Amino acid sequence: MTLTIRRATVADAAALSAIAIATYTETFGDSYPPQDLRDFLDSHYAVEPQRRELADPRNAAWLLDNGERVVGYLAAGPNSLPHADAAEGDIELKRLYVLASHQAGGHGARLMDAFLAWLDQPQRRTLWIGAWSENLGAQRFYARYGCRKVGEYDFPVGESVDREFILRRA
């Protein structure tokens, strides 16, 4: 089955919410107490927060669709990572996830390529990414795009706190 990539619109808020919750739970669901996970998903990935993100013209999201449902996505917006070199106009890749059943097919790279084409028009912009310190695969993936570790910060999920690396594209 062919997987297509398309830019998300406000009408996609429910689909974006569904894939965000599914992929985060699939990837990290066993890492947190159930209440912490529920609170985080409700406050960040429910339909209304996704609708607000999609309605903000500073944000952008792309959906990976198999014709029946969304199986992956990438979301980006103004940088919010805590770093002294961050500047107005910098962009943060906030989330890039593909369901496990559709991984290892180059789809993450396809989403990244679509995002970078948008990011660098009309000129190249600074890219920031927060990556879990223990997610070596993600760190290697982003390194292929010129992203290097420039800092660290704490990422709260309910009462749980993860150590995240701050990556920046050179």
Protein backbone atom coordinates (compact mmCIF):
# COMPACT_ATOMS: atom_id res chain seq x y z
CA MET A 1 0.00 0.00 0.00
CA THR A 2 1.33 3.43 -0.95
CA LEU A 3 1.89 5.91 1.84
CA THR A 4 1.34 9.55 1.00
CA ILE A 5 2.47 12.65 2.83
CA ARG A 6 0.23 15.67 3.03
CA ARG A 7 0.21 18.92 4.96
CA ALA A 8 -2.30 18.83 7.81
CA THR A 9 -5.10 21.38 8.15
CA VAL A 10 -7.38 22.29 11.05
CA ALA A 11 -9.83 19.70 9.68
CA ASP A 12 -7.21 17.05 10.52
CA ALA A 13 -7.17 17.81 14.27
CA ALA A 14 -8.89 14.54 15.23
CA ALA A 15 -6.62 12.47 12.97
CA LEU A 16 -3.53 14.24 14.30
CA SER A 17 -4.71 13.68 17.88
CA ALA A 18 -5.31 9.98 17.22
CA ILE A 19 -1.89 9.35 15.68
CA ALA A 20 -0.12 11.48 18.31
CA ILE A 21 -1.72 9.51 21.14
CA ALA A 22 -1.19 6.15 19.42
CA THR A 23 2.48 6.69 18.60
CA TYR A 24 3.41 8.27 21.93
CA THR A 25 1.69 5.45 23.81
CA GLU A 26 3.29 2.82 21.58
CA THR A 27 6.73 4.36 22.03
CA PHE A 28 6.69 5.48 25.66
CA GLY A 29 3.54 4.04 27.26
CA ASP A 30 5.45 1.63 29.49
CA SER A 31 7.81 4.37 30.67
CA TYR A 32 5.38 6.29 32.89
CA PRO A 33 2.81 5.66 35.58
CA PRO A 34 -0.63 5.38 33.89
CA GLN A 35 -1.96 8.62 35.42
CA ASP A 36 1.10 10.62 34.32
CA LEU A 37 0.69 9.29 30.79
CA ARG A 38 -3.06 10.04 30.69
CA ASP A 39 -2.59 13.56 32.02
CA PHE A 40 0.18 14.29 29.50
CA LEU A 41 -1.76 12.91 26.54
CA ASP A 42 -4.93 14.77 27.53
CA SER A 43 -3.18 18.10 27.96
CA HIS A 44 -0.93 17.91 24.90
CA TYR A 45 -2.34 15.52 22.30
CA ALA A 46 -6.14 15.64 22.68
CA VAL A 47 -8.15 17.05 19.77
CA GLU A 48 -8.43 20.61 21.11
CA PRO A 49 -4.68 21.17 21.63
CA GLN A 50 -4.09 19.77 18.14
CA ARG A 51 -6.76 22.07 16.69
CA ARG A 52 -5.10 25.08 18.32
CA GLU A 53 -1.69 24.08 16.95
CA LEU A 54 -3.03 23.58 13.44
CA ALA A 55 -4.91 26.91 13.53
CA ASP A 56 -1.73 28.82 14.38
CA PRO A 57 -0.02 29.83 11.09
CA ARG A 58 3.41 29.61 12.77
CA ASN A 59 2.94 25.84 13.14
CA ALA A 60 2.98 23.14 10.50
CA ALA A 61 2.30 19.41 10.48
CA TRP A 62 2.54 16.65 7.91
CA LEU A 63 0.59 13.40 7.96
CA LEU A 64 1.72 10.03 6.64
CA ASP A 65 -1.44 8.38 5.33
CA ASN A 66 -2.00 4.86 3.99
CA GLY A 67 -5.33 5.74 2.36
CA GLU A 68 -7.35 4.40 5.28
CA ARG A 69 -5.75 6.14 8.24
CA VAL A 70 -2.83 8.25 9.35
CA VAL A 71 0.16 6.09 10.35
CA GLY A 72 2.76 8.77 11.11
CA TYR A 73 3.30 12.50 11.39
CA LEU A 74 5.68 15.37 11.94
CA ALA A 75 4.76 18.56 13.82
CA ALA A 76 6.79 21.76 14.02
CA GLY A 77 6.46 25.31 15.24
CA PRO A 78 8.26 28.18 16.92
CA ASN A 79 11.17 27.02 19.04
CA SER A 80 10.38 26.64 22.73
CA LEU A 81 13.53 24.81 23.83
CA PRO A 82 15.50 26.50 26.63
CA HIS A 83 18.77 27.51 25.06
CA ALA A 84 20.70 30.80 25.22
CA ASP A 85 21.29 30.83 21.45
CA ALA A 86 17.60 30.43 20.55
CA ALA A 87 16.27 33.38 18.56
CA GLU A 88 12.98 34.71 17.26
CA GLY A 89 12.11 32.93 14.02
CA ASP A 90 13.86 29.67 14.93
CA ILE A 91 11.80 26.54 14.36
CA GLU A 92 11.49 23.45 16.53
CA LEU A 93 10.72 20.01 15.21
CA LYS A 94 8.35 19.11 18.03
CA ARG A 95 7.33 15.56 17.12
CA LEU A 96 8.18 12.95 14.48
CA TYR A 97 6.56 9.54 14.96
CA VAL A 98 5.61 6.61 12.74
CA LEU A 99 3.67 3.59 13.98
CA ALA A 100 5.98 0.60 14.55
CA SER A 101 4.08 -1.34 11.88
CA HIS A 102 5.21 1.22 9.28
CA GLN A 103 8.78 1.88 10.44
CA ALA A 104 11.97 0.92 8.60
CA GLY A 105 10.53 1.91 5.23
CA GLY A 106 12.16 5.32 4.95
CA HIS A 107 8.94 7.12 5.93
CA GLY A 108 10.56 9.13 8.73
CA ALA A 109 13.09 10.43 6.21
CA ARG A 110 10.27 11.28 3.80
CA LEU A 111 8.49 13.27 6.52
CA MET A 112 11.76 14.98 7.42
CA ASP A 113 12.43 15.89 3.79
CA ALA A 114 8.94 17.44 3.42
CA PHE A 115 9.49 19.41 6.61
CA LEU A 116 12.96 20.64 5.61
CA ALA A 117 11.65 21.81 2.23
CA TRP A 118 9.13 23.96 4.13
CA LEU A 119 11.60 25.03 6.83
CA ASP A 120 14.20 26.37 4.43
CA GLN A 121 11.89 28.51 2.28
CA PRO A 122 12.46 31.29 1.48
CA GLN A 123 15.78 30.95 3.37
CA ARG A 124 17.44 28.42 5.64
CA ARG A 125 16.22 28.75 9.26
CA THR A 126 17.69 27.45 12.48
CA LEU A 127 16.27 24.07 13.45
CA TRP A 128 15.98 22.92 17.08
CA ILE A 129 14.95 19.45 18.27
CA GLY A 130 14.43 17.97 21.73
CA ALA A 131 15.32 14.27 21.81
CA TRP A 132 15.08 11.88 24.74
CA SER A 133 18.60 11.28 26.04
CA GLU A 134 18.15 7.51 25.81
CA ASN A 135 16.74 7.46 22.27
CA LEU A 136 19.96 6.76 20.40
CA GLY A 137 18.12 5.91 17.19
CA ALA A 138 16.49 9.34 17.04
CA GLN A 139 19.80 11.02 17.82
CA ARG A 140 21.50 9.14 14.94
CA PHE A 141 18.59 9.99 12.62
CA TYR A 142 18.79 13.72 13.35
CA ALA A 143 22.60 13.68 13.12
CA ARG A 144 22.21 12.62 9.47
CA TYR A 145 20.50 15.99 8.95
CA GLY A 146 23.32 17.94 10.57
CA CYS A 147 21.79 18.20 14.06
CA ARG A 148 24.19 18.15 16.99
CA LYS A 149 23.73 18.19 20.76
CA VAL A 150 24.05 21.70 22.19
CA GLY A 151 22.34 21.33 25.57
CA GLU A 152 20.02 19.40 27.87
CA TYR A 153 16.75 20.05 29.71
CA ASP A 154 14.10 18.31 31.78
CA PHE A 155 10.89 17.21 30.01
CA PRO A 156 7.95 16.60 32.38
CA VAL A 157 5.35 13.91 31.68
CA GLY A 158 2.95 14.33 34.57
CA GLU A 159 5.03 13.86 37.72
CA SER A 160 7.73 12.00 35.76
CA VAL A 161 10.69 13.89 34.32
CA ASP A 162 12.84 12.78 31.38
CA ARG A 163 16.28 14.10 30.49
CA GLU A 164 16.20 15.48 26.95
CA PHE A 165 19.02 16.57 24.68
CA ILE A 166 18.71 19.83 22.78
CA LEU A 167 19.83 19.37 19.18
CA ARG A 168 20.48 22.15 16.68
CA ARG A 169 21.14 21.98 12.98
CA ALA A 170 24.46 23.58 12.16
